[in-house]
N, C-alpha and C. Protein backbone atom coordinates (compact mmCIF):
# COMPACT_ATOMS: atom_id res chain seq x y z
N MET A 1 -23.81 15.74 34.85
CA MET A 1 -25.19 15.91 34.43
C MET A 1 -25.57 17.38 34.51
N SER A 2 -26.38 17.77 33.60
CA SER A 2 -26.86 19.14 33.59
C SER A 2 -27.86 19.35 34.73
N ARG A 3 -27.81 20.50 35.34
CA ARG A 3 -28.74 20.79 36.42
C ARG A 3 -29.92 21.61 35.95
N ARG A 4 -29.96 21.83 34.66
CA ARG A 4 -31.09 22.58 34.12
C ARG A 4 -32.37 21.78 34.26
N SER A 5 -33.47 22.51 34.18
CA SER A 5 -34.75 21.81 34.22
C SER A 5 -34.99 21.13 32.88
N LYS A 6 -35.80 20.08 32.90
CA LYS A 6 -36.09 19.37 31.67
C LYS A 6 -37.00 20.22 30.80
N PRO A 7 -36.84 20.14 29.49
CA PRO A 7 -37.73 20.91 28.62
C PRO A 7 -39.14 20.34 28.69
N GLU A 8 -40.12 21.22 28.59
CA GLU A 8 -41.50 20.75 28.66
C GLU A 8 -41.86 20.01 27.38
N LYS A 9 -42.67 18.98 27.54
CA LYS A 9 -43.06 18.16 26.40
C LYS A 9 -44.02 18.92 25.52
N ARG A 10 -43.77 18.85 24.22
CA ARG A 10 -44.67 19.48 23.28
C ARG A 10 -45.86 18.57 23.05
N ILE A 11 -47.03 19.15 23.04
CA ILE A 11 -48.25 18.38 22.78
C ILE A 11 -48.54 18.48 21.29
N GLN A 12 -48.59 17.34 20.61
CA GLN A 12 -48.84 17.36 19.18
C GLN A 12 -50.33 17.47 18.91
N THR A 13 -50.65 18.08 17.80
CA THR A 13 -52.05 18.22 17.43
C THR A 13 -52.54 16.93 16.80
N ALA A 14 -53.83 16.68 16.97
CA ALA A 14 -54.43 15.48 16.38
C ALA A 14 -54.54 15.67 14.87
N ASP A 15 -54.48 14.56 14.14
CA ASP A 15 -54.55 14.68 12.68
C ASP A 15 -55.96 15.04 12.27
N PRO A 16 -56.13 15.74 11.15
CA PRO A 16 -57.45 16.25 10.78
C PRO A 16 -58.44 15.18 10.35
N LEU A 17 -57.96 14.06 9.82
CA LEU A 17 -58.87 13.06 9.27
C LEU A 17 -59.47 12.16 10.35
N TYR A 18 -58.64 11.67 11.27
CA TYR A 18 -59.12 10.73 12.29
C TYR A 18 -59.17 11.34 13.69
N GLY A 19 -58.57 12.49 13.88
CA GLY A 19 -58.59 13.14 15.19
C GLY A 19 -57.79 12.38 16.25
N SER A 20 -56.70 11.75 15.84
CA SER A 20 -55.89 10.96 16.75
C SER A 20 -54.46 11.49 16.80
N VAL A 21 -53.94 11.63 18.00
CA VAL A 21 -52.56 12.09 18.17
C VAL A 21 -51.60 10.97 17.77
N ASP A 22 -51.99 9.72 18.01
CA ASP A 22 -51.14 8.58 17.65
C ASP A 22 -50.90 8.53 16.15
N VAL A 23 -51.92 8.86 15.37
CA VAL A 23 -51.78 8.88 13.92
C VAL A 23 -50.76 9.95 13.52
N THR A 24 -50.83 11.11 14.14
CA THR A 24 -49.88 12.18 13.84
C THR A 24 -48.45 11.75 14.16
N LYS A 25 -48.27 11.12 15.32
CA LYS A 25 -46.93 10.66 15.71
C LYS A 25 -46.41 9.60 14.74
N PHE A 26 -47.29 8.69 14.31
CA PHE A 26 -46.88 7.64 13.39
C PHE A 26 -46.51 8.22 12.03
N ILE A 27 -47.29 9.20 11.57
CA ILE A 27 -46.98 9.86 10.29
C ILE A 27 -45.63 10.55 10.38
N ASN A 28 -45.35 11.19 11.51
CA ASN A 28 -44.06 11.84 11.69
C ASN A 28 -42.91 10.84 11.70
N ARG A 29 -43.17 9.62 12.15
CA ARG A 29 -42.14 8.58 12.13
C ARG A 29 -41.90 8.08 10.71
N ILE A 30 -42.95 8.04 9.90
CA ILE A 30 -42.80 7.61 8.51
C ILE A 30 -42.04 8.67 7.71
N MET A 31 -42.25 9.92 8.06
CA MET A 31 -41.72 11.06 7.29
C MET A 31 -40.20 11.02 7.18
N ARG A 32 -39.71 11.26 5.97
CA ARG A 32 -38.28 11.39 5.71
C ARG A 32 -38.03 12.73 5.02
N ARG A 33 -36.96 13.38 5.42
CA ARG A 33 -36.52 14.65 4.82
C ARG A 33 -37.60 15.71 4.79
N GLY A 34 -38.48 15.72 5.77
CA GLY A 34 -39.48 16.78 5.89
C GLY A 34 -40.66 16.67 4.95
N LYS A 35 -40.79 15.55 4.25
CA LYS A 35 -41.88 15.40 3.28
C LYS A 35 -43.11 14.82 3.98
N LYS A 36 -43.81 15.70 4.68
CA LYS A 36 -44.93 15.25 5.48
C LYS A 36 -46.13 14.87 4.62
N SER A 37 -46.36 15.60 3.55
CA SER A 37 -47.51 15.28 2.70
C SER A 37 -47.38 13.89 2.09
N LEU A 38 -46.16 13.51 1.73
CA LEU A 38 -45.93 12.16 1.21
C LEU A 38 -46.17 11.11 2.29
N ALA A 39 -45.71 11.38 3.51
CA ALA A 39 -45.92 10.44 4.62
C ALA A 39 -47.41 10.31 4.92
N GLU A 40 -48.14 11.43 4.89
CA GLU A 40 -49.59 11.37 5.12
C GLU A 40 -50.27 10.56 4.04
N ARG A 41 -49.87 10.77 2.79
CA ARG A 41 -50.48 10.02 1.68
C ARG A 41 -50.24 8.52 1.84
N ILE A 42 -49.01 8.16 2.23
CA ILE A 42 -48.68 6.75 2.44
C ILE A 42 -49.55 6.16 3.54
N PHE A 43 -49.65 6.86 4.66
CA PHE A 43 -50.39 6.32 5.80
C PHE A 43 -51.88 6.22 5.53
N TYR A 44 -52.46 7.27 4.97
CA TYR A 44 -53.89 7.25 4.70
C TYR A 44 -54.24 6.22 3.63
N SER A 45 -53.36 6.03 2.65
CA SER A 45 -53.58 4.98 1.65
C SER A 45 -53.52 3.60 2.31
N THR A 46 -52.61 3.46 3.26
CA THR A 46 -52.50 2.20 3.99
C THR A 46 -53.80 1.91 4.75
N LEU A 47 -54.33 2.92 5.43
CA LEU A 47 -55.58 2.72 6.17
C LEU A 47 -56.74 2.42 5.23
N ASN A 48 -56.75 3.04 4.04
CA ASN A 48 -57.81 2.74 3.07
C ASN A 48 -57.72 1.30 2.60
N ARG A 49 -56.50 0.82 2.38
CA ARG A 49 -56.34 -0.58 1.95
C ARG A 49 -56.74 -1.55 3.05
N ILE A 50 -56.45 -1.19 4.30
CA ILE A 50 -56.86 -2.03 5.42
C ILE A 50 -58.38 -2.11 5.48
N LYS A 51 -59.03 -0.97 5.25
CA LYS A 51 -60.50 -0.95 5.28
C LYS A 51 -61.07 -1.81 4.15
N GLU A 52 -60.46 -1.74 2.95
CA GLU A 52 -60.93 -2.55 1.82
C GLU A 52 -60.78 -4.04 2.12
N ARG A 53 -59.67 -4.43 2.73
CA ARG A 53 -59.40 -5.85 2.97
C ARG A 53 -60.24 -6.43 4.09
N THR A 54 -60.43 -5.67 5.17
CA THR A 54 -61.05 -6.25 6.36
C THR A 54 -62.49 -5.81 6.58
N ASN A 55 -62.93 -4.73 5.95
CA ASN A 55 -64.27 -4.16 6.17
C ASN A 55 -64.51 -3.82 7.64
N GLU A 56 -63.45 -3.43 8.34
CA GLU A 56 -63.54 -2.99 9.72
C GLU A 56 -62.97 -1.59 9.81
N GLN A 57 -63.07 -1.00 11.00
CA GLN A 57 -62.52 0.33 11.21
C GLN A 57 -60.99 0.25 11.15
N PRO A 58 -60.36 0.96 10.21
CA PRO A 58 -58.89 0.86 10.09
C PRO A 58 -58.15 1.42 11.30
N LEU A 59 -58.73 2.43 11.96
CA LEU A 59 -58.05 3.03 13.10
C LEU A 59 -57.99 2.04 14.28
N GLU A 60 -59.05 1.23 14.44
CA GLU A 60 -59.05 0.23 15.50
C GLU A 60 -57.99 -0.84 15.24
N ILE A 61 -57.86 -1.25 13.98
CA ILE A 61 -56.86 -2.24 13.62
C ILE A 61 -55.46 -1.67 13.84
N PHE A 62 -55.27 -0.39 13.49
CA PHE A 62 -53.98 0.27 13.71
C PHE A 62 -53.64 0.32 15.20
N GLN A 63 -54.63 0.70 16.03
CA GLN A 63 -54.40 0.75 17.48
C GLN A 63 -54.09 -0.64 18.05
N LYS A 64 -54.79 -1.65 17.54
CA LYS A 64 -54.55 -3.02 17.99
C LYS A 64 -53.15 -3.47 17.61
N ALA A 65 -52.71 -3.09 16.40
CA ALA A 65 -51.36 -3.44 15.95
C ALA A 65 -50.31 -2.78 16.84
N LEU A 66 -50.53 -1.51 17.18
CA LEU A 66 -49.58 -0.82 18.06
C LEU A 66 -49.54 -1.47 19.43
N ASN A 67 -50.71 -1.83 19.97
CA ASN A 67 -50.75 -2.46 21.29
C ASN A 67 -50.06 -3.82 21.28
N ASN A 68 -50.23 -4.58 20.20
CA ASN A 68 -49.61 -5.89 20.11
C ASN A 68 -48.09 -5.80 19.96
N ALA A 69 -47.60 -4.70 19.41
CA ALA A 69 -46.16 -4.55 19.19
C ALA A 69 -45.46 -3.77 20.31
N THR A 70 -46.23 -3.23 21.26
CA THR A 70 -45.64 -2.41 22.32
C THR A 70 -45.05 -3.30 23.41
N PRO A 71 -43.76 -3.13 23.71
CA PRO A 71 -43.16 -3.95 24.78
C PRO A 71 -43.49 -3.40 26.16
N LEU A 72 -43.56 -4.29 27.13
CA LEU A 72 -43.79 -3.90 28.52
C LEU A 72 -42.48 -3.81 29.29
N LEU A 73 -41.50 -4.62 28.88
CA LEU A 73 -40.18 -4.64 29.51
C LEU A 73 -39.10 -4.54 28.44
N GLU A 74 -37.98 -3.97 28.81
CA GLU A 74 -36.80 -3.98 27.95
C GLU A 74 -35.57 -4.07 28.84
N VAL A 75 -34.42 -4.34 28.23
CA VAL A 75 -33.19 -4.42 29.02
C VAL A 75 -32.34 -3.19 28.74
N LYS A 76 -31.65 -2.77 29.78
CA LYS A 76 -30.78 -1.61 29.67
C LYS A 76 -29.43 -2.00 30.25
N ALA A 77 -28.37 -1.68 29.53
CA ALA A 77 -27.02 -2.03 29.98
C ALA A 77 -26.65 -1.15 31.18
N ARG A 78 -26.17 -1.80 32.24
CA ARG A 78 -25.77 -1.09 33.45
C ARG A 78 -24.42 -1.61 33.86
N ARG A 79 -23.45 -0.72 34.01
CA ARG A 79 -22.09 -1.12 34.34
C ARG A 79 -21.90 -1.04 35.85
N ILE A 80 -21.58 -2.19 36.45
CA ILE A 80 -21.40 -2.26 37.90
C ILE A 80 -20.16 -3.09 38.19
N GLY A 81 -19.23 -2.48 38.87
CA GLY A 81 -18.02 -3.20 39.32
C GLY A 81 -17.21 -3.80 38.20
N GLY A 82 -17.09 -3.13 37.09
CA GLY A 82 -16.26 -3.61 36.00
C GLY A 82 -16.94 -4.54 35.03
N SER A 83 -18.15 -4.97 35.33
CA SER A 83 -18.87 -5.82 34.39
C SER A 83 -20.20 -5.17 34.01
N THR A 84 -20.66 -5.48 32.84
CA THR A 84 -21.89 -4.89 32.34
C THR A 84 -23.02 -5.90 32.44
N TYR A 85 -24.12 -5.47 33.04
CA TYR A 85 -25.30 -6.33 33.19
C TYR A 85 -26.45 -5.77 32.35
N GLN A 86 -27.23 -6.68 31.81
CA GLN A 86 -28.45 -6.29 31.10
C GLN A 86 -29.57 -6.29 32.14
N VAL A 87 -29.97 -5.10 32.56
CA VAL A 87 -30.95 -4.97 33.62
C VAL A 87 -32.33 -4.75 33.02
N PRO A 88 -33.32 -5.59 33.36
CA PRO A 88 -34.67 -5.37 32.83
C PRO A 88 -35.35 -4.19 33.52
N ILE A 89 -35.96 -3.33 32.72
CA ILE A 89 -36.72 -2.19 33.25
C ILE A 89 -38.06 -2.14 32.55
N GLU A 90 -39.02 -1.51 33.20
CA GLU A 90 -40.34 -1.34 32.61
C GLU A 90 -40.29 -0.21 31.59
N VAL A 91 -41.11 -0.34 30.57
CA VAL A 91 -41.15 0.65 29.50
C VAL A 91 -42.29 1.62 29.76
N LYS A 92 -41.99 2.92 29.72
CA LYS A 92 -43.04 3.93 29.88
C LYS A 92 -43.88 3.99 28.61
N ALA A 93 -45.04 4.61 28.70
CA ALA A 93 -46.00 4.62 27.59
C ALA A 93 -45.43 5.31 26.34
N ASP A 94 -44.77 6.45 26.53
CA ASP A 94 -44.22 7.18 25.38
C ASP A 94 -43.13 6.37 24.68
N ARG A 95 -42.27 5.78 25.47
CA ARG A 95 -41.18 4.96 24.91
C ARG A 95 -41.76 3.71 24.23
N GLY A 96 -42.78 3.13 24.82
CA GLY A 96 -43.42 1.96 24.23
C GLY A 96 -44.02 2.27 22.87
N PHE A 97 -44.69 3.43 22.77
CA PHE A 97 -45.25 3.83 21.48
C PHE A 97 -44.15 4.05 20.46
N ALA A 98 -43.07 4.72 20.89
CA ALA A 98 -41.96 5.00 19.97
C ALA A 98 -41.33 3.70 19.47
N LEU A 99 -41.12 2.75 20.37
CA LEU A 99 -40.52 1.47 19.98
C LEU A 99 -41.43 0.70 19.03
N SER A 100 -42.71 0.59 19.38
CA SER A 100 -43.62 -0.21 18.55
C SER A 100 -43.79 0.41 17.17
N SER A 101 -43.93 1.72 17.10
CA SER A 101 -44.11 2.35 15.78
C SER A 101 -42.85 2.20 14.93
N SER A 102 -41.68 2.37 15.54
CA SER A 102 -40.46 2.23 14.75
C SER A 102 -40.24 0.77 14.34
N TRP A 103 -40.62 -0.18 15.18
CA TRP A 103 -40.49 -1.59 14.82
C TRP A 103 -41.42 -1.95 13.67
N ILE A 104 -42.63 -1.42 13.69
CA ILE A 104 -43.58 -1.69 12.60
C ILE A 104 -43.06 -1.11 11.29
N ILE A 105 -42.54 0.11 11.34
CA ILE A 105 -42.04 0.75 10.12
C ILE A 105 -40.81 0.02 9.59
N GLU A 106 -39.88 -0.34 10.49
CA GLU A 106 -38.67 -1.07 10.07
C GLU A 106 -39.02 -2.44 9.48
N ALA A 107 -39.97 -3.12 10.11
CA ALA A 107 -40.38 -4.43 9.60
C ALA A 107 -41.03 -4.29 8.24
N ALA A 108 -41.79 -3.22 8.05
CA ALA A 108 -42.44 -2.99 6.75
C ALA A 108 -41.39 -2.71 5.67
N LYS A 109 -40.34 -1.98 6.03
CA LYS A 109 -39.29 -1.68 5.05
C LYS A 109 -38.57 -2.95 4.60
N LYS A 110 -38.35 -3.88 5.53
CA LYS A 110 -37.62 -5.10 5.21
C LYS A 110 -38.49 -6.13 4.50
N ARG A 111 -39.77 -5.93 4.48
CA ARG A 111 -40.71 -6.87 3.90
C ARG A 111 -40.61 -6.89 2.38
N GLY A 112 -41.02 -7.98 1.80
CA GLY A 112 -41.07 -8.04 0.34
C GLY A 112 -42.40 -7.49 -0.15
N GLY A 113 -42.38 -6.86 -1.30
CA GLY A 113 -43.61 -6.30 -1.86
C GLY A 113 -43.28 -5.21 -2.84
N LYS A 114 -44.28 -4.74 -3.53
CA LYS A 114 -44.05 -3.71 -4.54
C LYS A 114 -43.83 -2.34 -3.91
N THR A 115 -44.86 -1.81 -3.28
CA THR A 115 -44.78 -0.44 -2.77
C THR A 115 -44.71 -0.47 -1.25
N PHE A 116 -44.30 0.66 -0.68
CA PHE A 116 -44.25 0.77 0.78
C PHE A 116 -45.65 0.72 1.37
N ILE A 117 -46.63 1.19 0.62
CA ILE A 117 -48.02 1.14 1.10
C ILE A 117 -48.44 -0.31 1.31
N ASP A 118 -48.13 -1.18 0.32
CA ASP A 118 -48.46 -2.61 0.45
C ASP A 118 -47.74 -3.23 1.64
N LYS A 119 -46.45 -2.92 1.78
CA LYS A 119 -45.66 -3.48 2.86
C LYS A 119 -46.20 -3.06 4.22
N LEU A 120 -46.51 -1.75 4.36
CA LEU A 120 -47.01 -1.24 5.63
C LEU A 120 -48.39 -1.81 5.94
N THR A 121 -49.23 -1.95 4.91
CA THR A 121 -50.55 -2.55 5.11
C THR A 121 -50.42 -3.96 5.65
N ASN A 122 -49.57 -4.77 5.02
CA ASN A 122 -49.40 -6.15 5.46
C ASN A 122 -48.82 -6.22 6.87
N GLU A 123 -47.88 -5.35 7.18
CA GLU A 123 -47.26 -5.38 8.51
C GLU A 123 -48.25 -4.97 9.59
N ILE A 124 -49.07 -3.96 9.33
CA ILE A 124 -50.06 -3.54 10.32
C ILE A 124 -51.10 -4.64 10.53
N LEU A 125 -51.53 -5.27 9.44
CA LEU A 125 -52.49 -6.38 9.56
C LEU A 125 -51.88 -7.54 10.34
N ASP A 126 -50.63 -7.87 10.05
CA ASP A 126 -49.96 -8.95 10.78
C ASP A 126 -49.81 -8.61 12.26
N ALA A 127 -49.41 -7.37 12.54
CA ALA A 127 -49.22 -6.96 13.93
C ALA A 127 -50.55 -6.95 14.69
N SER A 128 -51.63 -6.61 14.02
CA SER A 128 -52.93 -6.62 14.70
C SER A 128 -53.39 -8.04 15.00
N ASN A 129 -52.90 -9.01 14.22
CA ASN A 129 -53.22 -10.41 14.47
C ASN A 129 -52.22 -11.07 15.41
N GLY A 130 -51.19 -10.33 15.84
CA GLY A 130 -50.22 -10.86 16.79
C GLY A 130 -49.08 -11.63 16.16
N VAL A 131 -48.94 -11.53 14.85
CA VAL A 131 -47.81 -12.17 14.16
C VAL A 131 -47.02 -11.07 13.46
N GLY A 132 -45.97 -11.44 12.74
CA GLY A 132 -45.19 -10.44 12.03
C GLY A 132 -43.91 -10.11 12.75
N ALA A 133 -43.05 -9.40 12.06
CA ALA A 133 -41.71 -9.12 12.57
C ALA A 133 -41.73 -8.19 13.78
N ALA A 134 -42.66 -7.23 13.81
CA ALA A 134 -42.72 -6.30 14.93
C ALA A 134 -43.12 -7.02 16.23
N CYS A 135 -44.07 -7.93 16.12
CA CYS A 135 -44.49 -8.70 17.31
C CYS A 135 -43.40 -9.68 17.73
N LYS A 136 -42.66 -10.21 16.77
CA LYS A 136 -41.55 -11.10 17.09
C LYS A 136 -40.46 -10.33 17.84
N LYS A 137 -40.22 -9.10 17.44
CA LYS A 137 -39.23 -8.25 18.11
C LYS A 137 -39.66 -8.00 19.56
N ARG A 138 -40.95 -7.78 19.76
CA ARG A 138 -41.48 -7.58 21.12
C ARG A 138 -41.26 -8.83 21.96
N GLU A 139 -41.56 -9.98 21.39
CA GLU A 139 -41.39 -11.24 22.12
C GLU A 139 -39.91 -11.48 22.46
N ASP A 140 -39.02 -11.16 21.52
CA ASP A 140 -37.59 -11.31 21.78
C ASP A 140 -37.13 -10.39 22.91
N THR A 141 -37.66 -9.17 22.92
CA THR A 141 -37.31 -8.22 23.97
C THR A 141 -37.79 -8.73 25.33
N HIS A 142 -39.01 -9.27 25.36
CA HIS A 142 -39.54 -9.82 26.61
C HIS A 142 -38.75 -11.04 27.07
N LYS A 143 -38.33 -11.89 26.13
CA LYS A 143 -37.53 -13.06 26.50
C LYS A 143 -36.19 -12.65 27.09
N MET A 144 -35.58 -11.61 26.50
CA MET A 144 -34.30 -11.14 27.01
C MET A 144 -34.45 -10.56 28.42
N ALA A 145 -35.54 -9.82 28.63
CA ALA A 145 -35.79 -9.26 29.96
C ALA A 145 -36.06 -10.37 30.97
N GLU A 146 -36.78 -11.40 30.55
CA GLU A 146 -37.07 -12.53 31.44
C GLU A 146 -35.79 -13.29 31.78
N ALA A 147 -34.91 -13.46 30.79
CA ALA A 147 -33.66 -14.19 31.03
C ALA A 147 -32.75 -13.44 31.98
N ASN A 148 -32.83 -12.12 32.00
CA ASN A 148 -31.96 -11.32 32.87
C ASN A 148 -32.69 -10.82 34.11
N LYS A 149 -33.74 -11.52 34.49
CA LYS A 149 -34.53 -11.13 35.66
C LYS A 149 -33.70 -11.15 36.94
N ALA A 150 -32.64 -11.95 36.95
CA ALA A 150 -31.79 -12.06 38.14
C ALA A 150 -31.08 -10.75 38.46
N PHE A 151 -30.91 -9.89 37.44
CA PHE A 151 -30.22 -8.63 37.65
C PHE A 151 -31.18 -7.46 37.91
N ALA A 152 -32.44 -7.78 38.18
CA ALA A 152 -33.45 -6.73 38.37
C ALA A 152 -33.15 -5.86 39.59
N HIS A 153 -32.39 -6.40 40.55
CA HIS A 153 -32.09 -5.61 41.75
C HIS A 153 -31.09 -4.48 41.45
N TYR A 154 -30.49 -4.49 40.26
CA TYR A 154 -29.57 -3.39 39.88
C TYR A 154 -30.33 -2.22 39.24
N ARG A 155 -31.64 -2.32 39.23
CA ARG A 155 -32.45 -1.27 38.62
C ARG A 155 -32.22 0.07 39.31
N TYR A 156 -32.36 1.13 38.59
CA TYR A 156 -32.18 2.45 39.18
C TYR A 156 -33.31 3.36 38.83
């Protein structure tokens, strides 16, 4: 292991439209090949469609979707005495956000629909209601952690 100090975390700036750091992080997750303006257009169009459909604040629905898709526990492979155990560990806030946002984006990509904007809109709405592929992934992760609770004493 390296004995160097850990690099300091960069603080991202809030997005100009909603003033939220989470929105900036999510846009950066959508972004491919450095095309940030395209990712911003996709995300803001998605929020506009959410507002048209629900007549509620789209940012609140987005936050609710992220919270519903964020796992509290996950399993990590730990090798002890020649055998590998799936050890349940708690998920930190940054990792939880990263997992939930990537699960929402991946689920939207696999969804049926015309455009990515439509797919992402439907996935965020489903996740805010507690259904959808991203929430199912969270439940599967929690079930796996619960099933391997016996190995929790191997935590490090």
